[in-house]
């Protein structure tokens, strides 16, 4: 079962005779759902982007909690969507599967690891699609494919019956093209925000904006920034990042790698799993990270969190780039993709280190392809961020938050 069954290479060719029931009524009734192939759906395999893993593990006996909640709310399951191999990449190319098509820029990648979910929603194959975000796997594809995509507060949505990558950073997320649909899903999955103060004061972090690739990106980001600023009653101020972004990413990379090896090392050591290029090298790196390196990196993360939280008042929200540019071209060399990854993952690692929510909003285009802008909010402000994104997309002032 390693093929795909649609023109966008988004859905996997898993058994179609397996019935996945959903409610006939509920706030998501009438909406269709794709599910990234790391979330268990009862009766189906969970391959995690590696054909040997699909065969090594039995079909799921239970459905992951967030997927079950979407089904109970009326969403209709259409199938499992492609993911990058063991979710350890963010480009969207899996050596074992045909490449997903980015409907908004077919010559460019979809981004990953939630590649099939992004392609399915962007191409109109389904209304919503579930994905995950460890370090950008929702935010990058959302930016690349012109979608809304929220990395949720770490731990807010349970990840039971889910293939992990790095549990300290793994989060649930989803894609939609429509802001109203996005809010309906948020209401089902998120409950009430724990961060109750309204986010009225926009802030910028100049160090993160320097990661934008070139003049075209800076010009389009400035245009998007002006549009977002217009939705607030205050002009954005500036925060100084407490640390060097590149050094912070290096520490994140060590922690992610250490955990990824704890999760997948036994499977990978049992026999040759024929890992694809890039993924193989990352797991080789992960296998060499020591417990002492991981412990030092976690001390650095704790210090960064404390310093950043001290800078952020409870009414602040950070406006920042979702990605440094449009999606890379599919014919990029492995070296070109790696250069992109480093800048992109440096950007996305800030929210991952903090454990905070970040939403990518599809406001721009660069080089003829989608290009998003993001809002990063305090822990527990997820639904407020979704509401703010809706207001910005509708050209309204950010409204009073009442949830």
Protein backbone atom coordinates (compact mmCIF):
# COMPACT_ATOMS: atom_id res chain seq x y z
CA UNK A 1 0.00 0.00 0.00
CA UNK A 2 2.56 2.59 -1.04
CA UNK A 3 0.79 4.31 -3.93
CA UNK A 4 -1.42 7.39 -4.05
CA UNK A 5 -4.92 7.65 -5.48
CA UNK A 6 -5.45 11.20 -6.75
CA UNK A 7 -3.95 13.60 -9.25
CA UNK A 8 -2.27 15.64 -6.50
CA UNK A 9 -0.60 12.60 -4.87
CA UNK A 10 -2.15 13.77 -1.62
CA UNK A 11 -4.08 10.70 -0.42
CA UNK A 12 -2.59 7.26 0.17
CA UNK A 13 -3.99 4.14 -1.44
CA UNK A 14 -5.12 2.47 1.77
CA UNK A 15 -8.05 0.01 1.80
CA UNK A 16 -11.22 1.84 0.75
CA UNK A 17 -13.55 -0.81 2.16
CA UNK A 18 -12.69 0.16 5.75
CA UNK A 19 -15.62 2.17 7.11
CA UNK A 20 -14.69 5.17 9.25
CA UNK A 21 -17.97 6.39 10.73
CA UNK A 22 -18.74 9.99 11.57
CA UNK A 23 -21.70 11.84 13.02
CA UNK A 24 -24.48 13.05 10.72
CA UNK A 25 -24.90 16.17 12.80
CA UNK A 26 -22.54 18.60 14.47
CA UNK A 27 -20.66 21.82 13.78
CA UNK A 28 -18.52 20.19 11.07
CA UNK A 29 -21.34 18.32 9.30
CA UNK A 30 -20.94 18.53 5.55
CA UNK A 31 -17.16 19.10 5.70
CA UNK A 32 -14.67 16.55 4.39
CA UNK A 33 -11.49 15.52 6.22
CA UNK A 34 -8.05 14.25 5.28
CA UNK A 35 -5.80 12.78 7.98
CA UNK A 36 -1.99 12.83 7.97
CA UNK A 37 -0.64 9.28 8.07
CA UNK A 38 0.78 9.59 11.56
CA UNK A 39 -2.61 9.62 13.28
CA UNK A 40 -4.22 6.26 13.94
CA UNK A 41 -7.60 5.67 12.35
CA UNK A 42 -9.19 2.44 13.48
CA UNK A 43 -8.81 -0.36 10.94
CA UNK A 44 -6.17 1.41 8.83
CA UNK A 45 -2.36 1.22 8.81
CA UNK A 46 -0.24 4.10 10.11
CA UNK A 47 2.80 4.14 7.86
CA UNK A 48 4.37 7.42 8.90
CA UNK A 49 5.82 7.87 5.42
CA UNK A 50 7.95 4.70 5.48
CA UNK A 51 6.65 1.58 3.67
CA UNK A 52 8.48 -0.77 6.04
CA UNK A 53 6.90 0.88 9.06
CA UNK A 54 3.48 0.40 7.53
CA UNK A 55 4.15 -3.34 7.33
CA UNK A 56 5.91 -3.62 10.70
CA UNK A 57 3.00 -2.35 12.77
CA UNK A 58 -0.55 -3.72 12.90
CA UNK A 59 -3.53 -1.74 11.73
CA UNK A 60 -4.81 0.68 14.34
CA UNK A 61 -7.24 -0.58 16.95
CA UNK A 62 -8.32 2.90 18.01
CA UNK A 63 -8.55 6.36 16.49
CA UNK A 64 -6.42 9.27 17.74
CA UNK A 65 -8.43 11.56 20.04
CA UNK A 66 -8.36 14.75 17.92
CA UNK A 67 -9.39 12.81 14.81
CA UNK A 68 -12.21 11.15 16.75
CA UNK A 69 -13.40 14.57 17.91
CA UNK A 70 -13.51 15.85 14.34
CA UNK A 71 -15.48 12.78 13.23
CA UNK A 72 -17.87 13.11 16.17
CA UNK A 73 -18.42 16.74 15.16
CA UNK A 74 -19.61 15.64 11.73
CA UNK A 75 -16.49 15.75 9.54
CA UNK A 76 -16.51 13.03 6.85
CA UNK A 77 -13.27 11.03 6.56
CA UNK A 78 -11.90 10.82 3.02
CA UNK A 79 -8.61 9.06 3.71
CA UNK A 80 -5.05 9.15 4.96
CA UNK A 81 -2.73 11.77 3.48
CA UNK A 82 0.93 11.53 2.57
CA UNK A 83 3.61 12.59 5.04
CA UNK A 84 7.35 12.96 4.75
CA UNK A 85 9.35 10.01 5.97
CA UNK A 86 8.94 9.58 9.75
CA UNK A 87 8.02 13.33 9.66
CA UNK A 88 11.72 14.27 9.84
CA UNK A 89 11.73 16.90 7.09
CA UNK A 90 9.88 20.06 6.05
CA UNK A 91 10.26 20.18 2.25
CA UNK A 92 7.48 17.79 1.22
CA UNK A 93 9.38 15.23 -0.88
CA UNK A 94 9.29 11.57 0.16
CA UNK A 95 11.60 9.21 -1.75
CA UNK A 96 9.06 6.36 -1.47
CA UNK A 97 6.02 8.17 -2.92
CA UNK A 98 5.12 10.38 -5.89
CA UNK A 99 5.62 14.02 -4.89
CA UNK A 100 2.50 15.85 -3.73
CA UNK A 101 1.47 18.66 -6.07
CA UNK A 102 1.26 22.23 -4.80
CA UNK A 103 -1.87 23.43 -6.67
CA UNK A 104 -0.91 27.08 -6.13
CA UNK A 105 2.60 26.64 -7.55
CA UNK A 106 2.96 23.23 -9.25
CA UNK A 107 6.68 23.74 -9.99
CA UNK A 108 7.32 24.18 -6.26
CA UNK A 109 7.12 21.81 -3.28
CA UNK A 110 4.16 21.66 -0.91
CA UNK A 111 6.32 21.73 2.19
CA UNK A 112 6.09 19.07 4.87
CA UNK A 113 6.00 16.99 6.75
CA UNK A 114 2.20 17.49 6.43
CA UNK A 115 2.59 17.50 2.64
CA UNK A 116 -0.42 15.48 1.54
CA UNK A 117 -2.77 17.30 3.90
CA UNK A 118 -1.72 20.68 2.51
CA UNK A 119 -2.00 19.51 -1.11
CA UNK A 120 -5.45 18.02 -0.50
CA UNK A 121 -6.88 21.21 1.02
CA UNK A 122 -5.16 23.59 -1.41
CA UNK A 123 -6.44 21.50 -4.32
CA UNK A 124 -10.01 21.36 -3.04
CA UNK A 125 -9.98 17.60 -2.45
CA UNK A 126 -11.16 18.12 1.12
CA UNK A 127 -12.30 21.02 3.29
CA UNK A 128 -9.97 20.40 6.22
CA UNK A 129 -6.95 18.17 6.80
CA UNK A 130 -5.18 17.21 9.99
CA UNK A 131 -1.43 17.55 10.33
CA UNK A 132 1.26 17.99 12.95
CA UNK A 133 3.90 20.60 13.67
CA UNK A 134 7.14 19.78 15.46
CA UNK A 135 9.12 22.58 13.88
CA UNK A 136 7.07 24.01 11.05
CA UNK A 137 5.20 21.07 9.54
CA UNK A 138 1.93 23.02 9.61
CA UNK A 139 3.27 26.55 9.21
CA UNK A 140 5.58 25.88 6.25
CA UNK A 141 3.02 24.03 4.06
CA UNK A 142 0.39 26.64 4.94
CA UNK A 143 2.69 29.42 3.76
CA UNK A 144 3.74 27.47 0.66
CA UNK A 145 0.21 26.49 -0.42
CA UNK A 146 -1.78 29.60 0.52
CA UNK A 147 -3.59 28.11 3.52
CA UNK A 148 -4.38 28.91 7.11
CA UNK A 149 -2.28 26.79 9.46
CA UNK A 150 -1.97 26.91 13.26
CA UNK A 151 0.75 25.35 15.36
CA UNK A 152 -1.18 24.87 18.60
CA UNK A 153 0.09 25.44 22.13
CA UNK A 154 2.23 22.43 23.01
CA UNK A 155 0.15 19.88 24.91
CA UNK A 156 -3.19 21.60 24.34
CA UNK A 157 -4.50 18.91 21.97
CA UNK A 158 -3.71 15.31 22.98
CA UNK A 159 -1.52 13.21 20.70
CA UNK A 160 -2.50 9.71 21.80
CA UNK A 161 -2.45 7.05 19.08
CA UNK A 162 -0.07 9.22 17.07
CA UNK A 163 3.37 8.44 15.66
CA UNK A 164 5.72 10.78 17.52
CA UNK A 165 8.86 12.50 16.31
CA UNK A 166 9.97 14.61 19.29
CA UNK A 167 7.29 14.57 22.00
CA UNK A 168 8.60 17.71 23.74
CA UNK A 169 7.75 19.67 20.59
CA UNK A 170 5.12 17.69 18.65
CA UNK A 171 1.78 19.50 18.27
CA UNK A 172 -1.48 18.96 16.43
CA UNK A 173 -2.57 21.31 13.64
CA UNK A 174 -4.86 21.52 10.63
CA UNK A 175 -5.31 23.28 7.30
CA UNK A 176 -8.24 25.09 5.71
CA UNK A 177 -8.67 27.64 2.94
CA UNK A 178 -11.62 29.36 4.59
CA UNK A 179 -11.24 31.34 7.84
CA UNK A 180 -14.78 30.58 9.00
CA UNK A 181 -14.23 26.85 8.55
CA UNK A 182 -10.92 27.19 10.37
CA UNK A 183 -12.74 28.74 13.34
CA UNK A 184 -15.34 25.97 13.39
CA UNK A 185 -12.58 23.38 13.72
CA UNK A 186 -10.87 25.46 16.42
CA UNK A 187 -14.08 25.51 18.46
CA UNK A 188 -14.30 21.71 18.28
CA UNK A 189 -10.67 20.99 19.18
CA UNK A 190 -9.49 23.78 21.46
CA UNK A 191 -12.14 24.60 24.03
CA UNK A 192 -11.60 27.83 25.96
CA UNK A 193 -8.34 29.75 25.77
CA UNK A 194 -6.38 29.83 29.01
CA UNK A 195 -4.86 33.17 27.98
CA UNK A 196 -7.73 35.53 28.63
CA UNK A 197 -6.21 38.96 28.03
CA UNK A 198 -6.84 40.45 24.61
CA UNK A 199 -3.79 40.72 22.36
CA UNK A 200 -3.90 44.40 21.44
CA UNK A 201 -0.24 45.30 21.09
CA UNK A 202 1.56 44.04 17.95
CA UNK A 203 5.31 43.54 18.17
CA UNK A 204 8.09 42.72 15.72
CA UNK A 205 11.44 40.96 16.13
CA UNK A 206 13.94 42.50 13.70
CA UNK A 207 16.35 39.56 14.00
CA UNK A 208 13.72 37.19 12.59
CA UNK A 209 12.91 39.48 9.68
CA UNK A 210 16.57 39.40 8.59
CA UNK A 211 16.01 35.73 7.67
CA UNK A 212 13.90 36.79 4.67
CA UNK A 213 15.73 35.78 1.49
CA UNK A 214 15.94 38.90 -0.67
CA UNK A 215 14.52 42.18 -1.89
CA UNK A 216 11.34 40.67 -3.35
CA UNK A 217 10.59 38.90 -0.06
CA UNK A 218 11.29 42.02 2.00
CA UNK A 219 9.03 44.15 -0.21
CA UNK A 220 6.12 41.71 -0.07
CA UNK A 221 6.58 41.16 3.66
CA UNK A 222 6.45 44.94 4.19
CA UNK A 223 3.16 45.05 2.26
CA UNK A 224 1.69 42.20 4.34
CA UNK A 225 3.00 43.79 7.52
CA UNK A 226 1.20 47.04 6.69
CA UNK A 227 -2.04 45.11 6.12
CA UNK A 228 -1.73 43.31 9.45
CA UNK A 229 -0.77 46.56 11.22
CA UNK A 230 -3.91 48.21 9.85
CA UNK A 231 -5.99 45.62 11.70
CA UNK A 232 -4.64 46.82 15.04
CA UNK A 233 -5.29 50.10 16.80
CA UNK A 234 -1.58 50.38 17.66
CA UNK A 235 1.51 50.42 15.46
CA UNK A 236 3.86 47.51 15.98
CA UNK A 237 6.76 48.01 18.36
CA UNK A 238 9.96 45.98 18.54
CA UNK A 239 11.30 43.27 20.81
CA UNK A 240 14.95 42.21 20.91
CA UNK A 241 15.34 38.45 20.58
CA UNK A 242 17.08 37.24 23.77
CA UNK A 243 19.77 35.24 22.00
CA UNK A 244 21.02 34.53 18.50
CA UNK A 245 18.39 32.84 16.35
CA UNK A 246 20.92 30.52 14.71
CA UNK A 247 22.33 29.35 18.08
CA UNK A 248 18.81 28.78 19.42
CA UNK A 249 18.00 26.64 16.41
CA UNK A 250 21.14 24.57 16.97
CA UNK A 251 19.98 23.80 20.50
CA UNK A 252 16.49 22.96 19.25
CA UNK A 253 17.98 20.69 16.60
CA UNK A 254 19.93 18.74 19.24
CA UNK A 255 16.86 18.21 21.42
CA UNK A 256 14.65 17.24 18.50
CA UNK A 257 17.28 14.81 17.20
CA UNK A 258 17.85 13.22 20.61
CA UNK A 259 14.13 12.56 21.03
CA UNK A 260 13.69 11.42 17.41
CA UNK A 261 16.33 8.75 17.98
CA UNK A 262 14.69 7.62 21.22
CA UNK A 263 11.39 7.26 19.33
CA UNK A 264 12.59 5.73 16.05
CA UNK A 265 16.05 4.36 16.84
CA UNK A 266 14.89 0.83 17.70
CA UNK A 267 12.91 0.58 14.45
CA UNK A 268 15.81 1.94 12.39
CA UNK A 269 18.44 -0.28 14.00
CA UNK A 270 16.46 -3.50 13.50
CA UNK A 271 17.25 -3.57 9.77
CA UNK A 272 17.98 -1.25 6.83
CA UNK A 273 14.84 0.85 6.36
CA UNK A 274 15.97 2.37 3.06
CA UNK A 275 15.60 5.93 4.31
CA UNK A 276 15.47 8.64 1.66
CA UNK A 277 18.14 11.31 1.13
CA UNK A 278 18.18 14.01 3.78
CA UNK A 279 16.15 11.90 6.21
CA UNK A 280 18.93 9.30 6.43
CA UNK A 281 21.52 11.97 7.20
CA UNK A 282 19.31 13.54 9.87
CA UNK A 283 18.85 10.21 11.63
CA UNK A 284 22.59 9.58 11.40
CA UNK A 285 23.07 12.92 13.16
CA UNK A 286 20.37 12.05 15.70
CA UNK A 287 22.02 8.74 16.60
CA UNK A 288 25.15 10.60 17.74
CA UNK A 289 23.49 13.17 20.05
CA UNK A 290 24.36 12.38 23.66
CA UNK A 291 22.22 12.71 26.75
CA UNK A 292 24.63 15.39 27.98
CA UNK A 293 24.13 17.46 24.80
CA UNK A 294 20.39 17.15 25.20
CA UNK A 295 20.54 18.24 28.84
CA UNK A 296 22.65 21.31 28.02
CA UNK A 297 20.28 22.25 25.21
CA UNK A 298 17.30 22.00 27.56
CA UNK A 299 18.99 24.34 30.02
CA UNK A 300 19.45 26.83 27.20
CA UNK A 301 15.80 26.44 26.18
CA UNK A 302 14.62 27.09 29.74
CA UNK A 303 16.72 30.26 29.92
CA UNK A 304 15.41 31.45 26.54
CA UNK A 305 11.82 30.83 27.58
CA UNK A 306 12.28 32.79 30.78
CA UNK A 307 13.97 35.69 29.00
CA UNK A 308 11.37 35.86 26.21
CA UNK A 309 8.43 35.63 28.58
CA UNK A 310 9.91 38.48 30.62
CA UNK A 311 9.93 40.66 27.49
CA UNK A 312 6.37 39.85 26.48
CA UNK A 313 3.55 41.63 28.26
CA UNK A 314 0.29 39.71 28.37
CA UNK A 315 -1.34 41.95 25.72
CA UNK A 316 1.42 41.48 23.12
CA UNK A 317 1.36 39.43 19.92
CA UNK A 318 4.38 39.01 17.61
CA UNK A 319 4.05 39.56 13.86
CA UNK A 320 6.72 37.55 12.03
CA UNK A 321 7.46 35.83 8.71
CA UNK A 322 6.03 32.34 8.32
CA UNK A 323 8.86 31.34 5.97
CA UNK A 324 11.89 33.11 4.45
CA UNK A 325 10.47 32.91 0.90
CA UNK A 326 8.06 31.03 -1.34
CA UNK A 327 8.32 27.25 -1.50
CA UNK A 328 11.55 25.90 -3.02
CA UNK A 329 11.41 24.66 -6.60
CA UNK A 330 10.99 20.90 -6.99
CA UNK A 331 14.15 20.67 -9.10
CA UNK A 332 16.31 22.29 -6.41
CA UNK A 333 19.47 20.38 -5.53
CA UNK A 334 19.78 18.68 -2.15
CA UNK A 335 22.27 21.41 -1.17
CA UNK A 336 19.82 24.17 -2.15
CA UNK A 337 17.03 22.51 -0.19
CA UNK A 338 19.28 22.20 2.86
CA UNK A 339 20.17 25.91 2.70
CA UNK A 340 16.47 26.74 2.60
CA UNK A 341 15.73 24.36 5.48
CA UNK A 342 18.25 25.99 7.80
CA UNK A 343 16.76 29.48 7.42
CA UNK A 344 13.19 28.20 7.47
CA UNK A 345 13.65 26.04 10.56
CA UNK A 346 15.51 28.80 12.38
CA UNK A 347 12.35 30.91 11.96
CA UNK A 348 9.94 28.20 13.03
CA UNK A 349 12.04 27.02 15.99
CA UNK A 350 11.13 30.09 18.07
CA UNK A 351 7.53 28.95 18.62
CA UNK A 352 8.74 25.36 19.08
CA UNK A 353 11.21 26.37 21.81
CA UNK A 354 8.56 28.47 23.57
CA UNK A 355 5.76 25.92 23.17
CA UNK A 356 3.52 28.78 22.00
CA UNK A 357 0.90 28.90 19.25
CA UNK A 358 1.64 30.48 15.87
CA UNK A 359 -0.74 30.89 12.94
CA UNK A 360 0.29 31.40 9.32
CA UNK A 361 -2.06 33.66 7.36
CA UNK A 362 -2.18 33.47 3.53
CA UNK A 363 -1.83 37.15 2.67
CA UNK A 364 0.94 37.39 0.10
CA UNK A 365 2.71 36.16 -3.00
CA UNK A 366 6.34 36.27 -4.04
CA UNK A 367 7.90 34.86 -7.22
CA UNK A 368 4.36 34.01 -8.34
CA UNK A 369 3.73 31.69 -5.38
CA UNK A 370 2.02 31.93 -1.96
CA UNK A 371 3.88 33.61 0.90
CA UNK A 372 2.42 33.81 4.42
CA UNK A 373 2.79 36.01 7.46
CA UNK A 374 2.37 34.83 11.04
CA UNK A 375 1.08 35.80 14.44
CA UNK A 376 2.87 34.29 17.46
CA UNK A 377 0.88 34.50 20.68
CA UNK A 378 1.35 33.52 24.32
CA UNK A 379 0.67 30.01 25.56
CA UNK A 380 -3.04 29.27 25.49
CA UNK A 381 -4.04 32.07 23.08
CA UNK A 382 -4.77 29.71 20.15
CA UNK A 383 -8.41 30.58 19.54
CA UNK A 384 -7.74 34.26 19.82
CA UNK A 385 -5.06 33.92 17.13
CA UNK A 386 -7.54 32.11 14.87
CA UNK A 387 -10.08 34.90 15.43
CA UNK A 388 -7.46 37.55 14.68
CA UNK A 389 -6.45 35.78 11.48
CA UNK A 390 -10.09 35.75 10.38
CA UNK A 391 -10.45 39.48 11.04
CA UNK A 392 -7.24 40.27 9.14
CA UNK A 393 -8.29 38.17 6.14
CA UNK A 394 -11.69 39.87 6.12
CA UNK A 395 -10.10 43.33 6.27
CA UNK A 396 -11.54 44.13 9.69
CA UNK A 397 -10.05 45.56 12.83
CA UNK A 398 -9.07 42.86 15.30
CA UNK A 399 -12.23 42.49 17.38
CA UNK A 400 -12.89 42.16 21.08
CA UNK A 401 -12.06 38.66 22.22
CA UNK A 402 -14.95 37.07 24.14
CA UNK A 403 -14.20 33.32 24.24
